[in-house]
Amino acid sequence: ELERFVETLSGDKVGLVVFAGSAITLSPLTSDKSALKMFLDSLNT
């Protein structure tokens, strides 16, 4: 679902924060779809 959302971006900036008890920023605000997809592909528990 997040990958589908990233595809709809057109110049907007999005960041990625993940959490499991505590939170970390995986990606700061960016409009780079390729970078966001790379971070999404690396998501695991």
PDB file of all heavy atoms in Angstrom:
ATOM      1  N   GLU A   1       0.827  -1.205   0.000  1.00  0.00           N
ATOM      2  CA  GLU A   1       0.000   0.000   0.000  1.00  0.00           C
ATOM      3  C   GLU A   1       0.864   1.258   0.000  1.00  0.00           C
ATOM      4  O   GLU A   1       0.551   2.236  -0.682  1.00  0.00           O
ATOM      5  CB  GLU A   1      -0.961   0.009   1.190  1.00  0.00           C
ATOM      6  CG  GLU A   1      -2.069  -1.000   1.062  1.00  0.00           C
ATOM      7  CD  GLU A   1      -2.939  -0.764  -0.165  1.00  0.00           C
ATOM      8  OE1 GLU A   1      -3.331   0.389  -0.434  1.00  0.00           O
ATOM      9  OE2 GLU A   1      -3.220  -1.750  -0.870  1.00  0.00           O
ATOM     10  N   LEU A   2       1.952   1.236   0.763  1.00  0.00           N
ATOM     11  CA  LEU A   2       2.854   2.389   0.783  1.00  0.00           C
ATOM     12  C   LEU A   2       3.534   2.576  -0.570  1.00  0.00           C
ATOM     13  O   LEU A   2       3.730   3.714  -1.019  1.00  0.00           O
ATOM     14  CB  LEU A   2       3.890   2.234   1.895  1.00  0.00           C
ATOM     15  CG  LEU A   2       3.340   2.429   3.299  1.00  0.00           C
ATOM     16  CD1 LEU A   2       4.362   1.985   4.340  1.00  0.00           C
ATOM     17  CD2 LEU A   2       2.942   3.876   3.519  1.00  0.00           C
ATOM     18  N   GLU A   3       3.897   1.490  -1.232  1.00  0.00           N
ATOM     19  CA  GLU A   3       4.501   1.599  -2.564  1.00  0.00           C
ATOM     20  C   GLU A   3       3.511   2.203  -3.558  1.00  0.00           C
ATOM     21  O   GLU A   3       3.885   3.029  -4.381  1.00  0.00           O
ATOM     22  CB  GLU A   3       4.994   0.242  -3.043  1.00  0.00           C
ATOM     23  CG  GLU A   3       6.251  -0.216  -2.335  1.00  0.00           C
ATOM     24  CD  GLU A   3       6.696  -1.608  -2.720  1.00  0.00           C
ATOM     25  OE1 GLU A   3       5.964  -2.332  -3.428  1.00  0.00           O
ATOM     26  OE2 GLU A   3       7.801  -1.986  -2.293  1.00  0.00           O
ATOM     27  N   ARG A   4       2.244   1.804  -3.450  1.00  0.00           N
ATOM     28  CA  ARG A   4       1.215   2.394  -4.323  1.00  0.00           C
ATOM     29  C   ARG A   4       1.068   3.878  -4.034  1.00  0.00           C
ATOM     30  O   ARG A   4       0.928   4.684  -4.946  1.00  0.00           O
ATOM     31  CB  ARG A   4      -0.120   1.685  -4.129  1.00  0.00           C
ATOM     32  CG  ARG A   4      -0.173   0.337  -4.797  1.00  0.00           C
ATOM     33  CD  ARG A   4      -1.493  -0.350  -4.689  1.00  0.00           C
ATOM     34  NE  ARG A   4      -2.622   0.565  -4.479  1.00  0.00           N
ATOM     35  CZ  ARG A   4      -3.849   0.182  -4.221  1.00  0.00           C
ATOM     36  NH1 ARG A   4      -4.125  -1.100  -4.114  1.00  0.00           N
ATOM     37  NH2 ARG A   4      -4.810   1.052  -4.029  1.00  0.00           N
ATOM     38  N   PHE A   5       1.116   4.251  -2.760  1.00  0.00           N
ATOM     39  CA  PHE A   5       1.028   5.649  -2.377  1.00  0.00           C
ATOM     40  C   PHE A   5       2.196   6.452  -2.946  1.00  0.00           C
ATOM     41  O   PHE A   5       2.007   7.543  -3.482  1.00  0.00           O
ATOM     42  CB  PHE A   5       0.978   5.786  -0.857  1.00  0.00           C
ATOM     43  CG  PHE A   5       1.083   7.196  -0.372  1.00  0.00           C
ATOM     44  CD1 PHE A   5       0.020   8.072  -0.530  1.00  0.00           C
ATOM     45  CD2 PHE A   5       2.241   7.654   0.232  1.00  0.00           C
ATOM     46  CE1 PHE A   5       0.117   9.392  -0.096  1.00  0.00           C
ATOM     47  CE2 PHE A   5       2.348   8.956   0.665  1.00  0.00           C
ATOM     48  CZ  PHE A   5       1.283   9.830   0.507  1.00  0.00           C
ATOM     49  N   VAL A   6       3.402   5.917  -2.830  1.00  0.00           N
ATOM     50  CA  VAL A   6       4.597   6.607  -3.337  1.00  0.00           C
ATOM     51  C   VAL A   6       4.465   6.875  -4.830  1.00  0.00           C
ATOM     52  O   VAL A   6       4.863   7.935  -5.322  1.00  0.00           O
ATOM     53  CB  VAL A   6       5.877   5.797  -3.015  1.00  0.00           C
ATOM     54  CG1 VAL A   6       7.076   6.302  -3.794  1.00  0.00           C
ATOM     55  CG2 VAL A   6       6.146   5.822  -1.516  1.00  0.00           C
ATOM     56  N   GLU A   7       3.876   5.934  -5.560  1.00  0.00           N
ATOM     57  CA  GLU A   7       3.691   6.121  -7.001  1.00  0.00           C
ATOM     58  C   GLU A   7       2.792   7.316  -7.331  1.00  0.00           C
ATOM     59  O   GLU A   7       2.893   7.890  -8.402  1.00  0.00           O
ATOM     60  CB  GLU A   7       3.123   4.856  -7.635  1.00  0.00           C
ATOM     61  CG  GLU A   7       4.152   3.786  -7.852  1.00  0.00           C
ATOM     62  CD  GLU A   7       5.314   4.258  -8.712  1.00  0.00           C
ATOM     63  OE1 GLU A   7       5.080   4.902  -9.767  1.00  0.00           O
ATOM     64  OE2 GLU A   7       6.471   4.003  -8.319  1.00  0.00           O
ATOM     65  N   THR A   8       1.897   7.695  -6.411  1.00  0.00           N
ATOM     66  CA  THR A   8       0.982   8.809  -6.675  1.00  0.00           C
ATOM     67  C   THR A   8       1.624  10.165  -6.419  1.00  0.00           C
ATOM     68  O   THR A   8       1.041  11.184  -6.764  1.00  0.00           O
ATOM     69  CB  THR A   8      -0.296   8.710  -5.816  1.00  0.00           C
ATOM     70  OG1 THR A   8       0.029   8.914  -4.444  1.00  0.00           O
ATOM     71  CG2 THR A   8      -0.981   7.367  -6.013  1.00  0.00           C
ATOM     72  N   LEU A   9       2.807  10.189  -5.827  1.00  0.00           N
ATOM     73  CA  LEU A   9       3.457  11.458  -5.509  1.00  0.00           C
ATOM     74  C   LEU A   9       3.871  12.186  -6.777  1.00  0.00           C
ATOM     75  O   LEU A   9       4.370  11.583  -7.716  1.00  0.00           O
ATOM     76  CB  LEU A   9       4.704  11.216  -4.653  1.00  0.00           C
ATOM     77  CG  LEU A   9       4.491  10.545  -3.307  1.00  0.00           C
ATOM     78  CD1 LEU A   9       5.839  10.304  -2.646  1.00  0.00           C
ATOM     79  CD2 LEU A   9       3.597  11.379  -2.438  1.00  0.00           C
ATOM     80  N   SER A  10       3.657  13.476  -6.757  1.00  0.00           N
ATOM     81  CA  SER A  10       4.134  14.271  -7.889  1.00  0.00           C
ATOM     82  C   SER A  10       4.713  15.560  -7.336  1.00  0.00           C
ATOM     83  O   SER A  10       4.038  16.573  -7.204  1.00  0.00           O
ATOM     84  CB  SER A  10       3.013  14.521  -8.897  1.00  0.00           C
ATOM     85  OG  SER A  10       2.311  15.684  -8.638  1.00  0.00           O
ATOM     86  N   GLY A  11       5.970  15.479  -6.932  1.00  0.00           N
ATOM     87  CA  GLY A  11       6.657  16.638  -6.387  1.00  0.00           C
ATOM     88  C   GLY A  11       6.490  16.786  -4.887  1.00  0.00           C
ATOM     89  O   GLY A  11       7.157  17.618  -4.279  1.00  0.00           O
ATOM     90  N   ASP A  12       5.597  16.013  -4.277  1.00  0.00           N
ATOM     91  CA  ASP A  12       5.414  16.076  -2.828  1.00  0.00           C
ATOM     92  C   ASP A  12       6.582  15.391  -2.127  1.00  0.00           C
ATOM     93  O   ASP A  12       7.190  14.474  -2.660  1.00  0.00           O
ATOM     94  CB  ASP A  12       4.119  15.376  -2.412  1.00  0.00           C
ATOM     95  CG  ASP A  12       2.891  16.030  -3.004  1.00  0.00           C
ATOM     96  OD1 ASP A  12       2.849  17.269  -3.021  1.00  0.00           O
ATOM     97  OD2 ASP A  12       1.995  15.304  -3.450  1.00  0.00           O
ATOM     98  N   LYS A  13       6.869  15.846  -0.932  1.00  0.00           N
ATOM     99  CA  LYS A  13       7.920  15.221  -0.135  1.00  0.00           C
ATOM    100  C   LYS A  13       7.285  14.351   0.937  1.00  0.00           C
ATOM    101  O   LYS A  13       6.295  14.728   1.549  1.00  0.00           O
ATOM    102  CB  LYS A  13       8.819  16.276   0.504  1.00  0.00           C
ATOM    103  CG  LYS A  13       9.655  17.012  -0.519  1.00  0.00           C
ATOM    104  CD  LYS A  13      10.626  17.922   0.142  1.00  0.00           C
ATOM    105  CE  LYS A  13      11.497  18.583  -0.921  1.00  0.00           C
ATOM    106  NZ  LYS A  13      12.549  19.395  -0.320  1.00  0.00           N
ATOM    107  N   VAL A  14       7.876  13.178   1.142  1.00  0.00           N
ATOM    108  CA  VAL A  14       7.386  12.214   2.116  1.00  0.00           C
ATOM    109  C   VAL A  14       8.577  11.655   2.871  1.00  0.00           C
ATOM    110  O   VAL A  14       9.649  11.447   2.306  1.00  0.00           O
ATOM    111  CB  VAL A  14       6.621  11.062   1.418  1.00  0.00           C
ATOM    112  CG1 VAL A  14       6.205  10.012   2.414  1.00  0.00           C
ATOM    113  CG2 VAL A  14       5.424  11.598   0.675  1.00  0.00           C
ATOM    114  N   GLY A  15       8.391  11.409   4.157  1.00  0.00           N
ATOM    115  CA  GLY A  15       9.404  10.767   4.966  1.00  0.00           C
ATOM    116  C   GLY A  15       8.884   9.423   5.444  1.00  0.00           C
ATOM    117  O   GLY A  15       7.696   9.126   5.313  1.00  0.00           O
ATOM    118  N   LEU A  16       9.762   8.610   5.983  1.00  0.00           N
ATOM    119  CA  LEU A  16       9.359   7.289   6.457  1.00  0.00           C
ATOM    120  C   LEU A  16       9.887   7.084   7.872  1.00  0.00           C
ATOM    121  O   LEU A  16      11.091   7.107   8.110  1.00  0.00           O
ATOM    122  CB  LEU A  16       9.899   6.204   5.526  1.00  0.00           C
ATOM    123  CG  LEU A  16       9.528   4.770   5.849  1.00  0.00           C
ATOM    124  CD1 LEU A  16       8.009   4.576   5.794  1.00  0.00           C
ATOM    125  CD2 LEU A  16      10.200   3.821   4.859  1.00  0.00           C
ATOM    126  N   VAL A  17       8.951   6.927   8.808  1.00  0.00           N
ATOM    127  CA  VAL A  17       9.267   6.648  10.207  1.00  0.00           C
ATOM    128  C   VAL A  17       8.686   5.285  10.534  1.00  0.00           C
ATOM    129  O   VAL A  17       7.525   5.011  10.226  1.00  0.00           O
ATOM    130  CB  VAL A  17       8.658   7.723  11.135  1.00  0.00           C
ATOM    131  CG1 VAL A  17       8.907   7.376  12.596  1.00  0.00           C
ATOM    132  CG2 VAL A  17       9.213   9.094  10.800  1.00  0.00           C
ATOM    133  N   VAL A  18       9.501   4.407  11.122  1.00  0.00           N
ATOM    134  CA  VAL A  18       9.022   3.079  11.518  1.00  0.00           C
ATOM    135  C   VAL A  18       9.100   2.964  13.028  1.00  0.00           C
ATOM    136  O   VAL A  18       9.874   3.660  13.680  1.00  0.00           O
ATOM    137  CB  VAL A  18       9.828   1.945  10.845  1.00  0.00           C
ATOM    138  CG1 VAL A  18       9.662   1.990   9.334  1.00  0.00           C
ATOM    139  CG2 VAL A  18      11.289   2.012  11.213  1.00  0.00           C
ATOM    140  N   PHE A  19       8.271   2.088  13.562  1.00  0.00           N
ATOM    141  CA  PHE A  19       8.260   1.927  15.008  1.00  0.00           C
ATOM    142  C   PHE A  19       7.940   0.496  15.395  1.00  0.00           C
ATOM    143  O   PHE A  19       7.272  -0.232  14.678  1.00  0.00           O
ATOM    144  CB  PHE A  19       7.260   2.888  15.662  1.00  0.00           C
ATOM    145  CG  PHE A  19       5.835   2.631  15.249  1.00  0.00           C
ATOM    146  CD1 PHE A  19       5.017   1.801  16.005  1.00  0.00           C
ATOM    147  CD2 PHE A  19       5.312   3.213  14.108  1.00  0.00           C
ATOM    148  CE1 PHE A  19       3.708   1.569  15.623  1.00  0.00           C
ATOM    149  CE2 PHE A  19       4.004   2.989  13.724  1.00  0.00           C
ATOM    150  CZ  PHE A  19       3.196   2.158  14.480  1.00  0.00           C
ATOM    151  N   ALA A  20       8.455   0.133  16.543  1.00  0.00           N
ATOM    152  CA  ALA A  20       8.155  -1.140  17.211  1.00  0.00           C
ATOM    153  C   ALA A  20       8.609  -0.936  18.649  1.00  0.00           C
ATOM    154  O   ALA A  20       9.718  -1.286  19.015  1.00  0.00           O
ATOM    155  CB  ALA A  20       8.889  -2.302  16.562  1.00  0.00           C
ATOM    156  N   GLY A  21       7.797  -0.268  19.412  1.00  0.00           N
ATOM    157  CA  GLY A  21       8.193   0.131  20.763  1.00  0.00           C
ATOM    158  C   GLY A  21       8.793   1.516  20.749  1.00  0.00           C
ATOM    159  O   GLY A  21       8.319   2.418  21.401  1.00  0.00           O
ATOM    160  N   SER A  22       9.843   1.715  19.977  1.00  0.00           N
ATOM    161  CA  SER A  22      10.417   3.040  19.770  1.00  0.00           C
ATOM    162  C   SER A  22      10.394   3.326  18.267  1.00  0.00           C
ATOM    163  O   SER A  22      10.159   2.432  17.462  1.00  0.00           O
ATOM    164  CB  SER A  22      11.840   3.106  20.320  1.00  0.00           C
ATOM    165  OG  SER A  22      12.656   2.144  19.689  1.00  0.00           O
ATOM    166  N   ALA A  23      10.608   4.572  17.931  1.00  0.00           N
ATOM    167  CA  ALA A  23      10.515   4.981  16.524  1.00  0.00           C
ATOM    168  C   ALA A  23      11.868   5.457  16.011  1.00  0.00           C
ATOM    169  O   ALA A  23      12.662   6.022  16.758  1.00  0.00           O
ATOM    170  CB  ALA A  23       9.491   6.098  16.373  1.00  0.00           C
ATOM    171  N   ILE A  24      12.115   5.196  14.720  1.00  0.00           N
ATOM    172  CA  ILE A  24      13.304   5.731  14.057  1.00  0.00           C
ATOM    173  C   ILE A  24      12.896   6.260  12.682  1.00  0.00           C
ATOM    174  O   ILE A  24      11.954   5.770  12.075  1.00  0.00           O
ATOM    175  CB  ILE A  24      14.437   4.687  13.900  1.00  0.00           C
ATOM    176  CG1 ILE A  24      13.988   3.517  13.029  1.00  0.00           C
ATOM    177  CG2 ILE A  24      14.932   4.204  15.235  1.00  0.00           C
ATOM    178  CD1 ILE A  24      15.140   2.632  12.589  1.00  0.00           C
ATOM    179  N   THR A  25      13.627   7.259  12.239  1.00  0.00           N
ATOM    180  CA  THR A  25      13.407   7.806  10.906  1.00  0.00           C
ATOM    181  C   THR A  25      14.263   7.025   9.926  1.00  0.00           C
ATOM    182  O   THR A  25      15.484   7.022  10.035  1.00  0.00           O
ATOM    183  CB  THR A  25      13.795   9.300  10.864  1.00  0.00           C
ATOM    184  OG1 THR A  25      13.010  10.002  11.825  1.00  0.00           O
ATOM    185  CG2 THR A  25      13.567   9.885   9.483  1.00  0.00           C
ATOM    186  N   LEU A  26      13.609   6.339   8.984  1.00  0.00           N
ATOM    187  CA  LEU A  26      14.357   5.614   7.955  1.00  0.00           C
ATOM    188  C   LEU A  26      14.700   6.529   6.802  1.00  0.00           C
ATOM    189  O   LEU A  26      15.744   6.391   6.177  1.00  0.00           O
ATOM    190  CB  LEU A  26      13.547   4.440   7.415  1.00  0.00           C
ATOM    191  CG  LEU A  26      13.571   3.152   8.199  1.00  0.00           C
ATOM    192  CD1 LEU A  26      12.852   2.049   7.438  1.00  0.00           C
ATOM    193  CD2 LEU A  26      14.972   2.712   8.537  1.00  0.00           C
ATOM    194  N   SER A  27      13.796   7.446   6.486  1.00  0.00           N
ATOM    195  CA  SER A  27      14.016   8.366   5.378  1.00  0.00           C
ATOM    196  C   SER A  27      13.519   9.748   5.774  1.00  0.00           C
ATOM    197  O   SER A  27      12.361   9.899   6.163  1.00  0.00           O
ATOM    198  CB  SER A  27      13.267   7.895   4.129  1.00  0.00           C
ATOM    199  OG  SER A  27      13.341   8.876   3.116  1.00  0.00           O
ATOM    200  N   PRO A  28      14.385  10.753   5.677  1.00  0.00           N
ATOM    201  CA  PRO A  28      13.901  12.116   5.910  1.00  0.00           C
ATOM    202  C   PRO A  28      12.992  12.527   4.750  1.00  0.00           C
ATOM    203  O   PRO A  28      12.863  11.790   3.763  1.00  0.00           O
ATOM    204  CB  PRO A  28      15.186  12.941   5.926  1.00  0.00           C
ATOM    205  CG  PRO A  28      16.136  12.151   5.096  1.00  0.00           C
ATOM    206  CD  PRO A  28      15.776  10.708   5.302  1.00  0.00           C
ATOM    207  N   LEU A  29      12.365  13.676   4.857  1.00  0.00           N
ATOM    208  CA  LEU A  29      11.508  14.145   3.775  1.00  0.00           C
ATOM    209  C   LEU A  29      12.260  14.165   2.452  1.00  0.00           C
ATOM    210  O   LEU A  29      13.368  14.684   2.361  1.00  0.00           O
ATOM    211  CB  LEU A  29      10.988  15.555   4.081  1.00  0.00           C
ATOM    212  CG  LEU A  29       9.971  15.639   5.198  1.00  0.00           C
ATOM    213  CD1 LEU A  29       9.613  17.096   5.470  1.00  0.00           C
ATOM    214  CD2 LEU A  29       8.725  14.852   4.878  1.00  0.00           C
ATOM    215  N   THR A  30      11.652  13.569   1.446  1.00  0.00           N
ATOM    216  CA  THR A  30      12.265  13.496   0.126  1.00  0.00           C
ATOM    217  C   THR A  30      11.186  13.357  -0.937  1.00  0.00           C
ATOM    218  O   THR A  30      10.088  12.894  -0.651  1.00  0.00           O
ATOM    219  CB  THR A  30      13.257  12.314   0.014  1.00  0.00           C
ATOM    220  OG1 THR A  30      13.886  12.352  -1.266  1.00  0.00           O
ATOM    221  CG2 THR A  30      12.568  10.982   0.198  1.00  0.00           C
ATOM    222  N   SER A  31      11.514  13.759  -2.141  1.00  0.00           N
ATOM    223  CA  SER A  31      10.619  13.515  -3.277  1.00  0.00           C
ATOM    224  C   SER A  31      11.209  12.434  -4.184  1.00  0.00           C
ATOM    225  O   SER A  31      10.686  12.172  -5.260  1.00  0.00           O
ATOM    226  CB  SER A  31      10.398  14.818  -4.068  1.00  0.00           C
ATOM    227  OG  SER A  31      11.638  15.349  -4.494  1.00  0.00           O
ATOM    228  N   ASP A  32      12.281  11.785  -3.722  1.00  0.00           N
ATOM    229  CA  ASP A  32      12.969  10.740  -4.482  1.00  0.00           C
ATOM    230  C   ASP A  32      12.231   9.408  -4.315  1.00  0.00           C
ATOM    231  O   ASP A  32      12.401   8.704  -3.323  1.00  0.00           O
ATOM    232  CB  ASP A  32      14.409  10.631  -3.996  1.00  0.00           C
ATOM    233  CG  ASP A  32      15.241   9.640  -4.775  1.00  0.00           C
ATOM    234  OD1 ASP A  32      14.671   8.837  -5.546  1.00  0.00           O
ATOM    235  OD2 ASP A  32      16.475   9.666  -4.605  1.00  0.00           O
ATOM    236  N   LYS A  33      11.423   9.070  -5.304  1.00  0.00           N
ATOM    237  CA  LYS A  33      10.627   7.838  -5.242  1.00  0.00           C
ATOM    238  C   LYS A  33      11.503   6.595  -5.162  1.00  0.00           C
ATOM    239  O   LYS A  33      11.170   5.641  -4.467  1.00  0.00           O
ATOM    240  CB  LYS A  33       9.715   7.728  -6.459  1.00  0.00           C
ATOM    241  CG  LYS A  33       8.610   8.741  -6.498  1.00  0.00           C
ATOM    242  CD  LYS A  33       7.761   8.541  -7.744  1.00  0.00           C
ATOM    243  CE  LYS A  33       6.703   9.596  -7.867  1.00  0.00           C
ATOM    244  NZ  LYS A  33       5.851   9.380  -9.043  1.00  0.00           N
ATOM    245  N   SER A  34      12.609   6.593  -5.856  1.00  0.00           N
ATOM    246  CA  SER A  34      13.500   5.426  -5.842  1.00  0.00           C
ATOM    247  C   SER A  34      14.055   5.178  -4.446  1.00  0.00           C
ATOM    248  O   SER A  34      14.140   4.027  -4.004  1.00  0.00           O
ATOM    249  CB  SER A  34      14.653   5.622  -6.825  1.00  0.00           C
ATOM    250  OG  SER A  34      14.175   5.734  -8.127  1.00  0.00           O
ATOM    251  N   ALA A  35      14.435   6.237  -3.768  1.00  0.00           N
ATOM    252  CA  ALA A  35      14.969   6.088  -2.411  1.00  0.00           C
ATOM    253  C   ALA A  35      13.888   5.564  -1.473  1.00  0.00           C
ATOM    254  O   ALA A  35      14.140   4.655  -0.665  1.00  0.00           O
ATOM    255  CB  ALA A  35      15.510   7.421  -1.908  1.00  0.00           C
ATOM    256  N   LEU A  36      12.686   6.109  -1.578  1.00  0.00           N
ATOM    257  CA  LEU A  36      11.594   5.635  -0.728  1.00  0.00           C
ATOM    258  C   LEU A  36      11.299   4.166  -0.972  1.00  0.00           C
ATOM    259  O   LEU A  36      11.098   3.396  -0.034  1.00  0.00           O
ATOM    260  CB  LEU A  36      10.339   6.469  -0.962  1.00  0.00           C
ATOM    261  CG  LEU A  36      10.368   7.873  -0.370  1.00  0.00           C
ATOM    262  CD1 LEU A  36       9.206   8.689  -0.888  1.00  0.00           C
ATOM    263  CD2 LEU A  36      10.347   7.808   1.147  1.00  0.00           C
ATOM    264  N   LYS A  37      11.297   3.754  -2.233  1.00  0.00           N
ATOM    265  CA  LYS A  37      11.050   2.347  -2.554  1.00  0.00           C
ATOM    266  C   LYS A  37      12.141   1.455  -1.982  1.00  0.00           C
ATOM    267  O   LYS A  37      11.870   0.357  -1.514  1.00  0.00           O
ATOM    268  CB  LYS A  37      10.933   2.164  -4.060  1.00  0.00           C
ATOM    269  CG  LYS A  37       9.641   2.693  -4.610  1.00  0.00           C
ATOM    270  CD  LYS A  37       9.581   2.477  -6.109  1.00  0.00           C
ATOM    271  CE  LYS A  37       8.319   3.072  -6.688  1.00  0.00           C
ATOM    272  NZ  LYS A  37       8.253   2.913  -8.139  1.00  0.00           N
ATOM    273  N   MET A  38      13.385   1.930  -2.016  1.00  0.00           N
ATOM    274  CA  MET A  38      14.490   1.162  -1.457  1.00  0.00           C
ATOM    275  C   MET A  38      14.278   0.953   0.042  1.00  0.00           C
ATOM    276  O   MET A  38      14.435  -0.151   0.557  1.00  0.00           O
ATOM    277  CB  MET A  38      15.818   1.878  -1.695  1.00  0.00           C
ATOM    278  CG  MET A  38      17.014   1.139  -1.149  1.00  0.00           C
ATOM    279  SD  MET A  38      18.538   2.089  -1.271  1.00  0.00           S
ATOM    280  CE  MET A  38      18.228   3.363  -0.053  1.00  0.00           C
ATOM    281  N   PHE A  39      13.874   2.015   0.745  1.00  0.00           N
ATOM    282  CA  PHE A  39      13.618   1.888   2.171  1.00  0.00           C
ATOM    283  C   PHE A  39      12.437   0.971   2.434  1.00  0.00           C
ATOM    284  O   PHE A  39      12.460   0.164   3.362  1.00  0.00           O
ATOM    285  CB  PHE A  39      13.376   3.257   2.803  1.00  0.00           C
ATOM    286  CG  PHE A  39      14.633   4.068   2.972  1.00  0.00           C
ATOM    287  CD1 PHE A  39      14.815   5.234   2.261  1.00  0.00           C
ATOM    288  CD2 PHE A  39      15.628   3.655   3.846  1.00  0.00           C
ATOM    289  CE1 PHE A  39      15.965   5.988   2.416  1.00  0.00           C
ATOM    290  CE2 PHE A  39      16.792   4.407   4.004  1.00  0.00           C
ATOM    291  CZ  PHE A  39      16.958   5.562   3.287  1.00  0.00           C
ATOM    292  N   LEU A  40      11.392   1.072   1.642  1.00  0.00           N
ATOM    293  CA  LEU A  40      10.228   0.197   1.808  1.00  0.00           C
ATOM    294  C   LEU A  40      10.604  -1.261   1.579  1.00  0.00           C
ATOM    295  O   LEU A  40      10.141  -2.147   2.292  1.00  0.00           O
ATOM    296  CB  LEU A  40       9.106   0.612   0.872  1.00  0.00           C
ATOM    297  CG  LEU A  40       8.387   1.906   1.228  1.00  0.00           C
ATOM    298  CD1 LEU A  40       7.416   2.304   0.112  1.00  0.00           C
ATOM    299  CD2 LEU A  40       7.666   1.786   2.543  1.00  0.00           C
ATOM    300  N   ASP A  41      11.437  -1.526   0.575  1.00  0.00           N
ATOM    301  CA  ASP A  41      11.869  -2.899   0.287  1.00  0.00           C
ATOM    302  C   ASP A  41      12.671  -3.488   1.450  1.00  0.00           C
ATOM    303  O   ASP A  41      12.685  -4.705   1.629  1.00  0.00           O
ATOM    304  CB  ASP A  41      12.710  -2.950  -0.989  1.00  0.00           C
ATOM    305  CG  ASP A  41      11.892  -2.771  -2.232  1.00  0.00           C
ATOM    306  OD1 ASP A  41      10.650  -2.922  -2.179  1.00  0.00           O
ATOM    307  OD2 ASP A  41      12.482  -2.466  -3.291  1.00  0.00           O
ATOM    308  N   SER A  42      13.336  -2.629   2.208  1.00  0.00           N
ATOM    309  CA  SER A  42      14.183  -3.129   3.292  1.00  0.00           C
ATOM    310  C   SER A  42      13.423  -3.317   4.607  1.00  0.00           C
ATOM    311  O   SER A  42      13.998  -3.807   5.583  1.00  0.00           O
ATOM    312  CB  SER A  42      15.352  -2.156   3.526  1.00  0.00           C
ATOM    313  OG  SER A  42      14.890  -0.970   4.132  1.00  0.00           O
ATOM    314  N   LEU A  43      12.156  -2.964   4.649  1.00  0.00           N
ATOM    315  CA  LEU A  43      11.390  -3.083   5.890  1.00  0.00           C
ATOM    316  C   LEU A  43      11.286  -4.536   6.347  1.00  0.00           C
ATOM    317  O   LEU A  43      10.983  -5.415   5.574  1.00  0.00           O
ATOM    318  CB  LEU A  43       9.978  -2.532   5.716  1.00  0.00           C
ATOM    319  CG  LEU A  43       9.825  -1.039   5.649  1.00  0.00           C
ATOM    320  CD1 LEU A  43       8.349  -0.673   5.524  1.00  0.00           C
ATOM    321  CD2 LEU A  43      10.431  -0.357   6.860  1.00  0.00           C
ATOM    322  N   ASN A  44      11.569  -4.741   7.621  1.00  0.00           N
ATOM    323  CA  ASN A  44      11.368  -6.045   8.249  1.00  0.00           C
ATOM    324  C   ASN A  44      11.213  -5.849   9.743  1.00  0.00           C
ATOM    325  O   ASN A  44      11.361  -4.722  10.240  1.00  0.00           O
ATOM    326  CB  ASN A  44      12.511  -7.014   7.904  1.00  0.00           C
ATOM    327  CG  ASN A  44      13.844  -6.536   8.420  1.00  0.00           C
ATOM    328  OD1 ASN A  44      14.000  -6.292   9.607  1.00  0.00           O
ATOM    329  ND2 ASN A  44      14.809  -6.394   7.529  1.00  0.00           N
ATOM    330  N   THR A  45      10.942  -6.878  10.453  1.00  0.00           N
ATOM    331  CA  THR A  45      10.676  -6.756  11.891  1.00  0.00           C
ATOM    332  C   THR A  45      11.958  -6.523  12.705  1.00  0.00           C
ATOM    333  O   THR A  45      11.879  -6.319  13.910  1.00  0.00           O
ATOM    334  CB  THR A  45       9.954  -7.995  12.428  1.00  0.00           C
ATOM    335  OG1 THR A  45      10.710  -9.160  12.121  1.00  0.00           O
ATOM    336  CG2 THR A  45       8.558  -8.100  11.829  1.00  0.00           C
TER     337      THR A  45
END
